[in-house]
Amino acid sequence: MKADPAPKPGILILASGSGTNFQALVDASRQRDFPGDVVAVGCNNPQAFVLERAARSGIESFTVNHRDFDSREAFDAALLAHIQRYNPDVILLAGFMRILTTDFVRAFRGRLLNIHPSLLPRYTGLNTHQRALDAGDEVHGVSIHFVTEELDGGPVIAQAQVAIEPDDTADSLAEKVQQKEHLLYPIVLRWFCEGRLSLSAQDQILFDGEAIPGPLVLPEQP
């Protein structure tokens, strides 16, 4: 009798807004050969459209409204309790607009990834597209990194770049960057679920067991 196949790694996504990266990740995970399954999405905003996307996709969802808590510690404790019900192998922050506490980050060390709309270490925090324009940058982009206690400061796994054109605005730049986000995040998630990507005890990124000297770069699409 043939043995049952090993279960695929479970993926839990945290999001706060419209959920375009959530949708890209779910769509990628439903390809026949994808090595992981999205088990749930968690949200801190009861009105977020990502919850509608989850319902349409048949993905379980839960909401932990940050306004119901008087401290970040209390919110994170409630969020942690919900996440633990699913026992995920990896957690992806996909536009999750809450700063997580040290205890939460440490609980999922090496299993917590974030996507950020800039070429880190440039422009941590908010308003990254306008800041790139104001600085006169010629290129901008997106980074995916392991989450550590430092805001947007964890080791960067991969990046994708876009050219800044003379007529770009913050909105047009955001649209170009978002297209790269939807390509890059599923690729990095695949690497993680295949066991090719990990974080060492020294906060080095290991790819196929070897430390990488800098972020992997998504090649330009033809």
N, C-alpha and C. Protein backbone atom coordinates (compact mmCIF):
# COMPACT_ATOMS: atom_id res chain seq x y z
N MET A 1 0.85 -1.19 0.00
CA MET A 1 0.00 0.00 0.00
C MET A 1 0.89 1.24 0.00
N LYS A 2 0.57 2.18 -0.90
CA LYS A 2 1.37 3.39 -1.02
C LYS A 2 1.12 4.30 0.19
N ALA A 3 2.22 4.82 0.74
CA ALA A 3 2.11 5.72 1.89
C ALA A 3 1.51 7.06 1.47
N ASP A 4 0.78 7.66 2.39
CA ASP A 4 0.22 8.98 2.11
C ASP A 4 1.36 9.97 1.95
N PRO A 5 1.22 10.92 1.00
CA PRO A 5 2.27 11.93 0.85
C PRO A 5 2.37 12.80 2.10
N ALA A 6 3.58 13.29 2.36
CA ALA A 6 3.77 14.17 3.52
C ALA A 6 2.96 15.45 3.33
N PRO A 7 2.38 15.97 4.40
CA PRO A 7 1.61 17.21 4.25
C PRO A 7 2.51 18.35 3.82
N LYS A 8 1.95 19.24 3.04
CA LYS A 8 2.70 20.42 2.61
C LYS A 8 2.82 21.40 3.76
N PRO A 9 3.87 22.22 3.77
CA PRO A 9 3.98 23.25 4.80
C PRO A 9 2.76 24.17 4.79
N GLY A 10 2.34 24.53 6.00
CA GLY A 10 1.19 25.42 6.15
C GLY A 10 1.62 26.87 6.16
N ILE A 11 0.91 27.70 5.43
CA ILE A 11 1.24 29.11 5.26
C ILE A 11 0.12 29.95 5.88
N LEU A 12 0.48 30.86 6.75
CA LEU A 12 -0.49 31.79 7.31
C LEU A 12 -0.08 33.20 6.92
N ILE A 13 -1.03 33.99 6.45
CA ILE A 13 -0.77 35.34 5.95
C ILE A 13 -1.44 36.35 6.87
N LEU A 14 -0.73 37.42 7.21
CA LEU A 14 -1.29 38.52 7.97
C LEU A 14 -1.36 39.74 7.07
N ALA A 15 -2.52 40.39 7.02
CA ALA A 15 -2.73 41.53 6.14
C ALA A 15 -3.70 42.50 6.78
N SER A 16 -3.64 43.75 6.34
CA SER A 16 -4.49 44.79 6.93
C SER A 16 -5.37 45.51 5.92
N GLY A 17 -5.12 45.33 4.62
CA GLY A 17 -5.78 46.18 3.64
C GLY A 17 -6.50 45.43 2.54
N SER A 18 -6.21 45.81 1.30
CA SER A 18 -6.96 45.27 0.17
C SER A 18 -6.57 43.84 -0.16
N GLY A 19 -5.35 43.44 0.19
CA GLY A 19 -4.98 42.03 0.04
C GLY A 19 -4.51 41.62 -1.33
N THR A 20 -3.89 42.52 -2.09
CA THR A 20 -3.43 42.10 -3.42
C THR A 20 -2.29 41.09 -3.32
N ASN A 21 -1.39 41.27 -2.36
CA ASN A 21 -0.33 40.27 -2.20
C ASN A 21 -0.89 38.96 -1.66
N PHE A 22 -1.87 39.03 -0.77
CA PHE A 22 -2.55 37.82 -0.32
C PHE A 22 -3.09 37.05 -1.53
N GLN A 23 -3.75 37.77 -2.45
CA GLN A 23 -4.34 37.09 -3.61
C GLN A 23 -3.27 36.47 -4.48
N ALA A 24 -2.15 37.19 -4.69
CA ALA A 24 -1.07 36.64 -5.50
C ALA A 24 -0.49 35.38 -4.87
N LEU A 25 -0.37 35.38 -3.56
CA LEU A 25 0.17 34.21 -2.86
C LEU A 25 -0.79 33.03 -2.92
N VAL A 26 -2.08 33.29 -2.74
CA VAL A 26 -3.07 32.22 -2.82
C VAL A 26 -3.11 31.63 -4.22
N ASP A 27 -3.12 32.51 -5.23
CA ASP A 27 -3.16 32.03 -6.62
C ASP A 27 -1.93 31.17 -6.92
N ALA A 28 -0.76 31.60 -6.45
CA ALA A 28 0.45 30.81 -6.68
C ALA A 28 0.38 29.47 -5.97
N SER A 29 -0.16 29.48 -4.75
CA SER A 29 -0.19 28.25 -3.95
C SER A 29 -1.12 27.20 -4.55
N ARG A 30 -2.01 27.63 -5.43
CA ARG A 30 -2.96 26.69 -6.04
C ARG A 30 -2.47 26.12 -7.36
N GLN A 31 -1.26 26.47 -7.73
CA GLN A 31 -0.64 25.77 -8.85
C GLN A 31 -0.32 24.34 -8.41
N ARG A 32 -0.44 23.43 -9.34
CA ARG A 32 -0.38 22.01 -9.00
C ARG A 32 0.91 21.63 -8.27
N ASP A 33 2.03 22.24 -8.64
CA ASP A 33 3.31 21.82 -8.09
C ASP A 33 3.76 22.69 -6.92
N PHE A 34 2.89 23.57 -6.41
CA PHE A 34 3.36 24.46 -5.35
C PHE A 34 3.53 23.68 -4.05
N PRO A 35 4.65 23.90 -3.33
CA PRO A 35 4.98 23.04 -2.20
C PRO A 35 4.42 23.50 -0.85
N GLY A 36 3.35 24.29 -0.84
CA GLY A 36 2.77 24.74 0.42
C GLY A 36 1.30 25.06 0.25
N ASP A 37 0.58 25.12 1.37
CA ASP A 37 -0.85 25.42 1.36
C ASP A 37 -1.13 26.62 2.27
N VAL A 38 -1.91 27.59 1.78
CA VAL A 38 -2.35 28.70 2.61
C VAL A 38 -3.47 28.20 3.51
N VAL A 39 -3.25 28.25 4.83
CA VAL A 39 -4.23 27.70 5.76
C VAL A 39 -5.17 28.77 6.33
N ALA A 40 -4.73 30.03 6.35
CA ALA A 40 -5.59 31.08 6.92
C ALA A 40 -4.97 32.45 6.64
N VAL A 41 -5.81 33.47 6.77
CA VAL A 41 -5.34 34.85 6.78
C VAL A 41 -5.86 35.51 8.05
N GLY A 42 -4.99 36.26 8.70
CA GLY A 42 -5.37 37.02 9.88
C GLY A 42 -5.33 38.50 9.57
N CYS A 43 -6.21 39.25 10.21
CA CYS A 43 -6.35 40.66 9.89
C CYS A 43 -6.63 41.44 11.17
N ASN A 44 -6.16 42.70 11.22
CA ASN A 44 -6.44 43.56 12.37
C ASN A 44 -7.52 44.59 12.09
N ASN A 45 -8.07 44.56 10.87
CA ASN A 45 -9.05 45.56 10.44
C ASN A 45 -10.32 44.85 9.96
N PRO A 46 -11.40 44.94 10.71
CA PRO A 46 -12.62 44.21 10.35
C PRO A 46 -13.20 44.61 9.00
N GLN A 47 -12.86 45.80 8.50
CA GLN A 47 -13.39 46.27 7.22
C GLN A 47 -12.45 46.02 6.04
N ALA A 48 -11.34 45.38 6.27
CA ALA A 48 -10.35 45.20 5.21
C ALA A 48 -10.89 44.30 4.09
N PHE A 49 -10.59 44.68 2.85
CA PHE A 49 -11.08 43.91 1.71
C PHE A 49 -10.41 42.53 1.62
N VAL A 50 -9.26 42.38 2.27
CA VAL A 50 -8.61 41.07 2.23
C VAL A 50 -9.52 39.99 2.80
N LEU A 51 -10.40 40.34 3.72
CA LEU A 51 -11.33 39.36 4.29
C LEU A 51 -12.33 38.89 3.24
N GLU A 52 -12.74 39.80 2.37
CA GLU A 52 -13.62 39.42 1.26
C GLU A 52 -12.88 38.52 0.28
N ARG A 53 -11.64 38.86 0.02
CA ARG A 53 -10.84 38.00 -0.87
C ARG A 53 -10.72 36.59 -0.29
N ALA A 54 -10.51 36.51 1.02
CA ALA A 54 -10.38 35.20 1.66
C ALA A 54 -11.66 34.40 1.50
N ALA A 55 -12.79 35.05 1.72
CA ALA A 55 -14.07 34.36 1.60
C ALA A 55 -14.27 33.84 0.17
N ARG A 56 -13.95 34.66 -0.80
CA ARG A 56 -14.11 34.25 -2.20
C ARG A 56 -13.17 33.10 -2.56
N SER A 57 -12.01 33.07 -1.90
CA SER A 57 -11.01 32.04 -2.21
C SER A 57 -11.19 30.78 -1.38
N GLY A 58 -12.14 30.80 -0.45
CA GLY A 58 -12.35 29.63 0.40
C GLY A 58 -11.25 29.44 1.42
N ILE A 59 -10.60 30.53 1.83
CA ILE A 59 -9.53 30.49 2.82
C ILE A 59 -10.09 30.95 4.17
N GLU A 60 -9.78 30.21 5.21
CA GLU A 60 -10.23 30.62 6.54
C GLU A 60 -9.61 31.96 6.92
N SER A 61 -10.36 32.75 7.69
CA SER A 61 -9.85 34.05 8.13
C SER A 61 -10.23 34.28 9.58
N PHE A 62 -9.47 35.16 10.22
CA PHE A 62 -9.81 35.61 11.57
C PHE A 62 -9.40 37.06 11.70
N THR A 63 -10.09 37.78 12.57
CA THR A 63 -9.81 39.19 12.80
C THR A 63 -9.51 39.41 14.28
N VAL A 64 -8.41 40.10 14.52
CA VAL A 64 -8.07 40.56 15.87
C VAL A 64 -7.94 42.08 15.76
N ASN A 65 -9.01 42.78 16.13
CA ASN A 65 -9.06 44.23 15.96
C ASN A 65 -8.13 44.90 16.98
N HIS A 66 -7.11 45.58 16.49
CA HIS A 66 -6.15 46.20 17.41
C HIS A 66 -6.79 47.27 18.28
N ARG A 67 -7.93 47.81 17.83
CA ARG A 67 -8.60 48.85 18.61
C ARG A 67 -9.25 48.30 19.89
N ASP A 68 -9.35 46.99 19.96
CA ASP A 68 -9.94 46.36 21.14
C ASP A 68 -8.93 46.16 22.27
N PHE A 69 -7.68 46.57 22.06
CA PHE A 69 -6.63 46.29 23.05
C PHE A 69 -5.95 47.60 23.45
N ASP A 70 -5.53 47.65 24.71
CA ASP A 70 -4.93 48.87 25.22
C ASP A 70 -3.41 48.87 25.16
N SER A 71 -2.82 47.82 24.57
CA SER A 71 -1.36 47.78 24.42
C SER A 71 -1.01 46.86 23.27
N ARG A 72 0.19 47.09 22.71
CA ARG A 72 0.67 46.20 21.66
C ARG A 72 0.88 44.80 22.20
N GLU A 73 1.31 44.70 23.44
CA GLU A 73 1.56 43.38 24.03
C GLU A 73 0.27 42.56 24.12
N ALA A 74 -0.82 43.22 24.52
CA ALA A 74 -2.10 42.51 24.63
C ALA A 74 -2.61 42.09 23.25
N PHE A 75 -2.47 42.99 22.28
CA PHE A 75 -2.88 42.65 20.91
C PHE A 75 -2.07 41.47 20.37
N ASP A 76 -0.75 41.53 20.54
CA ASP A 76 0.10 40.46 20.02
C ASP A 76 -0.19 39.13 20.70
N ALA A 77 -0.51 39.16 21.98
CA ALA A 77 -0.84 37.92 22.69
C ALA A 77 -2.09 37.28 22.10
N ALA A 78 -3.10 38.12 21.80
CA ALA A 78 -4.33 37.60 21.20
C ALA A 78 -4.07 37.09 19.79
N LEU A 79 -3.27 37.83 19.03
CA LEU A 79 -2.93 37.40 17.67
C LEU A 79 -2.17 36.07 17.70
N LEU A 80 -1.24 35.95 18.61
CA LEU A 80 -0.46 34.72 18.75
C LEU A 80 -1.37 33.53 19.05
N ALA A 81 -2.35 33.73 19.91
CA ALA A 81 -3.26 32.63 20.26
C ALA A 81 -4.04 32.15 19.04
N HIS A 82 -4.48 33.10 18.20
CA HIS A 82 -5.19 32.71 16.98
C HIS A 82 -4.28 31.95 16.02
N ILE A 83 -3.07 32.46 15.85
CA ILE A 83 -2.13 31.83 14.92
C ILE A 83 -1.79 30.41 15.36
N GLN A 84 -1.61 30.20 16.65
CA GLN A 84 -1.22 28.89 17.14
C GLN A 84 -2.27 27.82 16.87
N ARG A 85 -3.51 28.21 16.67
CA ARG A 85 -4.55 27.23 16.33
C ARG A 85 -4.26 26.55 14.99
N TYR A 86 -3.54 27.26 14.12
CA TYR A 86 -3.25 26.73 12.79
C TYR A 86 -1.88 26.08 12.69
N ASN A 87 -1.03 26.32 13.67
CA ASN A 87 0.31 25.73 13.70
C ASN A 87 1.03 25.87 12.36
N PRO A 88 1.14 27.10 11.84
CA PRO A 88 1.73 27.26 10.51
C PRO A 88 3.24 27.04 10.52
N ASP A 89 3.76 26.66 9.36
CA ASP A 89 5.20 26.51 9.20
C ASP A 89 5.86 27.83 8.84
N VAL A 90 5.10 28.74 8.26
CA VAL A 90 5.64 30.05 7.88
C VAL A 90 4.52 31.08 7.96
N ILE A 91 4.88 32.29 8.37
CA ILE A 91 3.93 33.40 8.46
C ILE A 91 4.44 34.52 7.56
N LEU A 92 3.58 35.01 6.69
CA LEU A 92 3.93 36.08 5.78
C LEU A 92 3.17 37.34 6.14
N LEU A 93 3.90 38.42 6.34
CA LEU A 93 3.27 39.73 6.50
C LEU A 93 3.09 40.31 5.10
N ALA A 94 1.85 40.64 4.77
CA ALA A 94 1.54 41.12 3.43
C ALA A 94 0.70 42.40 3.56
N GLY A 95 1.41 43.50 3.84
CA GLY A 95 0.69 44.73 4.10
C GLY A 95 0.02 44.71 5.46
N PHE A 96 0.70 44.12 6.44
CA PHE A 96 0.17 44.07 7.81
C PHE A 96 0.70 45.29 8.55
N MET A 97 -0.21 46.22 8.85
CA MET A 97 0.20 47.55 9.29
C MET A 97 0.23 47.67 10.81
N ARG A 98 0.87 46.70 11.44
CA ARG A 98 1.08 46.77 12.88
C ARG A 98 2.54 46.46 13.18
N ILE A 99 3.12 47.20 14.12
CA ILE A 99 4.47 46.92 14.56
C ILE A 99 4.40 45.83 15.63
N LEU A 100 5.07 44.72 15.38
CA LEU A 100 4.98 43.56 16.26
C LEU A 100 5.99 43.66 17.40
N THR A 101 5.61 43.12 18.54
CA THR A 101 6.49 43.18 19.71
C THR A 101 7.64 42.18 19.57
N THR A 102 8.66 42.41 20.39
CA THR A 102 9.82 41.53 20.39
C THR A 102 9.44 40.09 20.70
N ASP A 103 8.56 39.89 21.68
CA ASP A 103 8.18 38.53 22.05
C ASP A 103 7.50 37.81 20.89
N PHE A 104 6.65 38.52 20.15
CA PHE A 104 5.97 37.90 19.01
C PHE A 104 7.00 37.51 17.95
N VAL A 105 7.88 38.44 17.62
CA VAL A 105 8.88 38.18 16.58
C VAL A 105 9.76 37.00 16.97
N ARG A 106 10.17 36.94 18.22
CA ARG A 106 11.04 35.85 18.66
C ARG A 106 10.32 34.50 18.62
N ALA A 107 9.01 34.51 18.85
CA ALA A 107 8.25 33.26 18.84
C ALA A 107 8.27 32.59 17.47
N PHE A 108 8.44 33.40 16.41
CA PHE A 108 8.41 32.85 15.05
C PHE A 108 9.72 33.11 14.30
N ARG A 109 10.80 33.24 15.05
CA ARG A 109 12.08 33.54 14.42
C ARG A 109 12.40 32.52 13.32
N GLY A 110 12.78 33.06 12.16
CA GLY A 110 13.12 32.20 11.04
C GLY A 110 11.93 31.69 10.27
N ARG A 111 10.73 32.01 10.74
CA ARG A 111 9.50 31.58 10.05
C ARG A 111 8.58 32.75 9.74
N LEU A 112 9.10 33.98 9.91
CA LEU A 112 8.30 35.19 9.76
C LEU A 112 8.93 36.07 8.70
N LEU A 113 8.21 36.28 7.59
CA LEU A 113 8.71 37.05 6.46
C LEU A 113 7.85 38.29 6.24
N ASN A 114 8.47 39.33 5.70
CA ASN A 114 7.75 40.57 5.40
C ASN A 114 8.15 41.07 4.02
N ILE A 115 7.21 41.76 3.38
CA ILE A 115 7.48 42.42 2.11
C ILE A 115 7.41 43.92 2.34
N HIS A 116 8.38 44.65 1.79
CA HIS A 116 8.47 46.09 2.03
C HIS A 116 8.72 46.81 0.71
N PRO A 117 7.97 47.90 0.44
CA PRO A 117 8.05 48.56 -0.86
C PRO A 117 9.21 49.56 -0.98
N SER A 118 10.42 49.06 -0.83
CA SER A 118 11.61 49.85 -1.13
C SER A 118 12.77 48.89 -1.26
N LEU A 119 13.90 49.42 -1.70
CA LEU A 119 15.12 48.62 -1.77
C LEU A 119 15.86 48.81 -0.45
N LEU A 120 15.48 48.01 0.53
CA LEU A 120 16.10 48.13 1.85
C LEU A 120 17.61 47.98 1.73
N PRO A 121 18.39 48.71 2.53
CA PRO A 121 17.97 49.45 3.73
C PRO A 121 17.43 50.86 3.49
N ARG A 122 17.24 51.25 2.23
CA ARG A 122 16.67 52.56 1.97
C ARG A 122 15.18 52.57 2.31
N TYR A 123 14.75 53.63 2.94
CA TYR A 123 13.33 53.94 3.14
C TYR A 123 12.58 52.87 3.93
N THR A 124 13.00 52.67 5.16
CA THR A 124 12.16 51.89 6.07
C THR A 124 10.94 52.73 6.40
N GLY A 125 9.90 52.08 6.92
CA GLY A 125 8.71 52.82 7.32
C GLY A 125 7.78 53.10 6.15
N LEU A 126 7.11 54.26 6.22
CA LEU A 126 6.01 54.58 5.31
C LEU A 126 6.45 55.55 4.20
N ASN A 127 5.52 55.76 3.25
CA ASN A 127 5.68 56.76 2.17
C ASN A 127 6.95 56.54 1.36
N THR A 128 7.26 55.30 1.09
CA THR A 128 8.53 54.97 0.45
C THR A 128 8.61 55.49 -0.98
N HIS A 129 7.50 55.48 -1.71
CA HIS A 129 7.54 55.88 -3.12
C HIS A 129 7.82 57.38 -3.25
N GLN A 130 7.14 58.19 -2.47
CA GLN A 130 7.38 59.62 -2.52
C GLN A 130 8.79 59.96 -2.05
N ARG A 131 9.27 59.24 -1.07
CA ARG A 131 10.62 59.49 -0.56
C ARG A 131 11.67 59.16 -1.62
N ALA A 132 11.44 58.10 -2.40
CA ALA A 132 12.37 57.77 -3.48
C ALA A 132 12.36 58.86 -4.55
N LEU A 133 11.17 59.38 -4.87
CA LEU A 133 11.07 60.46 -5.84
C LEU A 133 11.75 61.72 -5.33
N ASP A 134 11.49 62.06 -4.07
CA ASP A 134 12.08 63.28 -3.49
C ASP A 134 13.60 63.22 -3.47
N ALA A 135 14.14 62.01 -3.33
CA ALA A 135 15.59 61.85 -3.28
C ALA A 135 16.23 61.85 -4.66
N GLY A 136 15.42 61.83 -5.71
CA GLY A 136 15.95 61.80 -7.06
C GLY A 136 16.52 60.46 -7.47
N ASP A 137 16.04 59.39 -6.85
CA ASP A 137 16.54 58.05 -7.17
C ASP A 137 16.19 57.68 -8.62
N GLU A 138 17.05 56.88 -9.22
CA GLU A 138 16.79 56.37 -10.56
C GLU A 138 16.13 55.00 -10.55
N VAL A 139 16.30 54.27 -9.44
CA VAL A 139 15.67 52.96 -9.30
C VAL A 139 14.99 52.88 -7.93
N HIS A 140 13.98 52.05 -7.88
CA HIS A 140 13.21 51.82 -6.66
C HIS A 140 12.84 50.34 -6.70
N GLY A 141 12.08 49.88 -5.75
CA GLY A 141 11.72 48.47 -5.84
C GLY A 141 11.10 47.92 -4.58
N VAL A 142 11.25 46.62 -4.41
CA VAL A 142 10.61 45.89 -3.32
C VAL A 142 11.62 44.93 -2.71
N SER A 143 11.51 44.73 -1.40
CA SER A 143 12.39 43.81 -0.68
C SER A 143 11.55 42.82 0.12
N ILE A 144 12.04 41.61 0.23
CA ILE A 144 11.44 40.61 1.12
C ILE A 144 12.52 40.21 2.11
N HIS A 145 12.17 40.23 3.40
CA HIS A 145 13.17 39.98 4.43
C HIS A 145 12.60 39.15 5.57
N PHE A 146 13.49 38.49 6.27
CA PHE A 146 13.11 37.86 7.52
C PHE A 146 12.84 38.96 8.54
N VAL A 147 11.85 38.77 9.37
CA VAL A 147 11.49 39.76 10.38
C VAL A 147 12.32 39.53 11.63
N THR A 148 12.95 40.60 12.10
CA THR A 148 13.66 40.60 13.38
C THR A 148 13.09 41.74 14.22
N GLU A 149 13.68 41.95 15.37
CA GLU A 149 13.16 42.97 16.27
C GLU A 149 13.27 44.38 15.70
N GLU A 150 14.17 44.60 14.77
CA GLU A 150 14.37 45.93 14.19
C GLU A 150 13.36 46.16 13.07
N LEU A 151 12.61 47.25 13.11
CA LEU A 151 11.58 47.54 12.11
C LEU A 151 12.19 47.58 10.72
N ASP A 152 11.67 46.73 9.81
CA ASP A 152 12.13 46.66 8.43
C ASP A 152 13.64 46.45 8.35
N GLY A 153 14.22 45.86 9.38
CA GLY A 153 15.67 45.75 9.44
C GLY A 153 16.21 44.34 9.39
N GLY A 154 15.35 43.34 9.23
CA GLY A 154 15.82 41.96 9.18
C GLY A 154 16.59 41.67 7.91
N PRO A 155 17.34 40.56 7.88
CA PRO A 155 18.14 40.21 6.70
C PRO A 155 17.28 40.11 5.44
N VAL A 156 17.73 40.79 4.39
CA VAL A 156 16.96 40.86 3.14
C VAL A 156 17.25 39.61 2.30
N ILE A 157 16.18 38.93 1.92
CA ILE A 157 16.29 37.70 1.15
C ILE A 157 16.40 37.99 -0.35
N ALA A 158 15.50 38.82 -0.84
CA ALA A 158 15.42 39.05 -2.28
C ALA A 158 14.85 40.43 -2.56
N GLN A 159 15.20 40.95 -3.72
CA GLN A 159 14.70 42.25 -4.14
C GLN A 159 14.36 42.22 -5.63
N ALA A 160 13.49 43.14 -6.04
CA ALA A 160 13.21 43.37 -7.45
C ALA A 160 13.17 44.87 -7.67
N GLN A 161 13.74 45.32 -8.77
CA GLN A 161 13.87 46.74 -9.03
C GLN A 161 12.93 47.20 -10.14
N VAL A 162 12.59 48.49 -10.06
CA VAL A 162 11.90 49.16 -11.15
C VAL A 162 12.64 50.46 -11.44
N ALA A 163 12.62 50.88 -12.70
CA ALA A 163 13.22 52.16 -13.06
C ALA A 163 12.25 53.29 -12.73
N ILE A 164 12.78 54.38 -12.23
CA ILE A 164 11.97 55.58 -11.99
C ILE A 164 12.08 56.48 -13.21
N GLU A 165 10.95 56.72 -13.85
CA GLU A 165 10.90 57.57 -15.04
C GLU A 165 10.64 59.01 -14.64
N PRO A 166 11.02 59.98 -15.50
CA PRO A 166 10.84 61.39 -15.17
C PRO A 166 9.40 61.79 -14.85
N ASP A 167 8.44 61.10 -15.46
CA ASP A 167 7.03 61.46 -15.24
C ASP A 167 6.36 60.63 -14.16
N ASP A 168 7.12 59.81 -13.44
CA ASP A 168 6.52 58.98 -12.39
C ASP A 168 6.00 59.84 -11.24
N THR A 169 4.89 59.40 -10.69
CA THR A 169 4.36 59.95 -9.44
C THR A 169 4.43 58.85 -8.38
N ALA A 170 4.09 59.22 -7.16
CA ALA A 170 4.07 58.20 -6.11
C ALA A 170 3.09 57.09 -6.46
N ASP A 171 1.96 57.45 -7.07
CA ASP A 171 0.94 56.44 -7.43
C ASP A 171 1.43 55.54 -8.55
N SER A 172 2.03 56.12 -9.59
CA SER A 172 2.49 55.28 -10.70
C SER A 172 3.64 54.39 -10.26
N LEU A 173 4.48 54.92 -9.39
CA LEU A 173 5.59 54.12 -8.88
C LEU A 173 5.08 52.98 -8.01
N ALA A 174 4.08 53.28 -7.19
CA ALA A 174 3.48 52.24 -6.35
C ALA A 174 2.92 51.10 -7.20
N GLU A 175 2.30 51.45 -8.33
CA GLU A 175 1.72 50.43 -9.20
C GLU A 175 2.80 49.54 -9.80
N LYS A 176 3.89 50.16 -10.23
CA LYS A 176 4.99 49.37 -10.81
C LYS A 176 5.63 48.46 -9.77
N VAL A 177 5.81 48.98 -8.57
CA VAL A 177 6.41 48.19 -7.51
C VAL A 177 5.48 47.03 -7.13
N GLN A 178 4.19 47.31 -7.09
CA GLN A 178 3.24 46.26 -6.70
C GLN A 178 3.27 45.09 -7.69
N GLN A 179 3.44 45.39 -8.96
CA GLN A 179 3.55 44.30 -9.95
C GLN A 179 4.74 43.39 -9.63
N LYS A 180 5.85 44.00 -9.20
CA LYS A 180 7.02 43.20 -8.81
C LYS A 180 6.74 42.41 -7.54
N GLU A 181 6.01 43.03 -6.60
CA GLU A 181 5.68 42.33 -5.36
C GLU A 181 4.96 41.02 -5.67
N HIS A 182 3.99 41.08 -6.58
CA HIS A 182 3.16 39.92 -6.89
C HIS A 182 3.96 38.81 -7.56
N LEU A 183 5.08 39.16 -8.19
CA LEU A 183 5.98 38.15 -8.76
C LEU A 183 6.94 37.58 -7.72
N LEU A 184 7.51 38.47 -6.91
CA LEU A 184 8.61 38.08 -6.05
C LEU A 184 8.17 37.30 -4.82
N TYR A 185 7.07 37.70 -4.18
CA TYR A 185 6.69 37.05 -2.93
C TYR A 185 6.39 35.56 -3.13
N PRO A 186 5.64 35.17 -4.16
CA PRO A 186 5.42 33.73 -4.36
C PRO A 186 6.71 32.96 -4.62
N ILE A 187 7.68 33.58 -5.31
CA ILE A 187 8.95 32.90 -5.57
C ILE A 187 9.68 32.61 -4.26
N VAL A 188 9.77 33.63 -3.40
CA VAL A 188 10.45 33.46 -2.12
C VAL A 188 9.71 32.45 -1.24
N LEU A 189 8.39 32.50 -1.26
CA LEU A 189 7.61 31.54 -0.48
C LEU A 189 7.86 30.12 -0.97
N ARG A 190 7.95 29.93 -2.26
CA ARG A 190 8.26 28.60 -2.80
C ARG A 190 9.60 28.11 -2.27
N TRP A 191 10.61 28.98 -2.30
CA TRP A 191 11.93 28.59 -1.78
C TRP A 191 11.83 28.13 -0.34
N PHE A 192 11.08 28.90 0.47
CA PHE A 192 10.97 28.55 1.88
C PHE A 192 10.28 27.20 2.03
N CYS A 193 9.18 27.00 1.34
CA CYS A 193 8.42 25.76 1.49
C CYS A 193 9.18 24.55 0.97
N GLU A 194 10.09 24.78 0.02
CA GLU A 194 10.93 23.68 -0.50
C GLU A 194 12.10 23.37 0.42
N GLY A 195 12.25 24.16 1.48
CA GLY A 195 13.35 23.94 2.40
C GLY A 195 14.68 24.50 1.92
N ARG A 196 14.66 25.35 0.91
CA ARG A 196 15.89 25.90 0.34
C ARG A 196 16.35 27.16 1.08
N LEU A 197 15.43 27.77 1.83
CA LEU A 197 15.69 29.08 2.43
C LEU A 197 15.53 28.99 3.94
N SER A 198 16.53 29.51 4.67
CA SER A 198 16.43 29.49 6.13
C SER A 198 17.27 30.62 6.71
N LEU A 199 17.13 30.83 8.00
CA LEU A 199 17.86 31.87 8.72
C LEU A 199 18.75 31.19 9.75
N SER A 200 20.04 31.52 9.73
CA SER A 200 20.98 30.89 10.65
C SER A 200 20.89 31.54 12.03
N ALA A 201 21.53 30.92 13.00
CA ALA A 201 21.55 31.48 14.35
C ALA A 201 22.26 32.82 14.40
N GLN A 202 23.09 33.10 13.40
CA GLN A 202 23.82 34.37 13.32
C GLN A 202 23.10 35.38 12.42
N ASP A 203 21.82 35.12 12.12
CA ASP A 203 21.02 36.00 11.26
C ASP A 203 21.59 36.09 9.84
N GLN A 204 22.20 35.02 9.38
CA GLN A 204 22.60 34.94 7.98
C GLN A 204 21.53 34.18 7.21
N ILE A 205 21.29 34.62 5.98
CA ILE A 205 20.35 33.91 5.12
C ILE A 205 21.08 32.75 4.45
N LEU A 206 20.52 31.57 4.59
CA LEU A 206 21.06 30.38 3.96
C LEU A 206 20.17 29.98 2.80
N PHE A 207 20.77 29.82 1.64
CA PHE A 207 20.05 29.36 0.45
C PHE A 207 20.73 28.10 -0.05
N ASP A 208 19.97 27.01 -0.08
CA ASP A 208 20.54 25.69 -0.39
C ASP A 208 21.72 25.38 0.52
N GLY A 209 21.60 25.80 1.79
CA GLY A 209 22.60 25.48 2.79
C GLY A 209 23.81 26.38 2.82
N GLU A 210 23.90 27.34 1.89
CA GLU A 210 25.05 28.23 1.82
C GLU A 210 24.61 29.66 2.15
N ALA A 211 25.46 30.37 2.92
CA ALA A 211 25.19 31.77 3.22
C ALA A 211 25.30 32.59 1.94
N ILE A 212 24.33 33.50 1.74
CA ILE A 212 24.38 34.37 0.57
C ILE A 212 24.91 35.74 1.00
N PRO A 213 25.74 36.37 0.16
CA PRO A 213 26.38 37.62 0.56
C PRO A 213 25.46 38.83 0.51
N GLY A 214 24.38 38.72 -0.21
CA GLY A 214 23.45 39.84 -0.33
C GLY A 214 22.13 39.36 -0.91
N PRO A 215 21.17 40.26 -1.06
CA PRO A 215 19.86 39.85 -1.54
C PRO A 215 19.91 39.20 -2.92
N LEU A 216 19.12 38.17 -3.10
CA LEU A 216 18.90 37.61 -4.43
C LEU A 216 18.04 38.60 -5.21
N VAL A 217 18.34 38.77 -6.49
CA VAL A 217 17.67 39.79 -7.29
C VAL A 217 16.82 39.11 -8.37
N LEU A 218 15.55 39.49 -8.42
CA LEU A 218 14.65 38.96 -9.45
C LEU A 218 15.06 39.55 -10.80
N PRO A 219 15.34 38.72 -11.81
CA PRO A 219 15.71 39.28 -13.11
C PRO A 219 14.54 39.98 -13.76
N GLU A 220 14.86 40.93 -14.63
CA GLU A 220 13.81 41.63 -15.36
C GLU A 220 13.03 40.62 -16.20
N GLN A 221 11.71 40.83 -16.26
CA GLN A 221 10.86 39.95 -17.05
C GLN A 221 10.92 40.38 -18.52
N PRO A 222 10.94 39.41 -19.45
CA PRO A 222 10.99 39.79 -20.87
C PRO A 222 9.69 40.48 -21.29
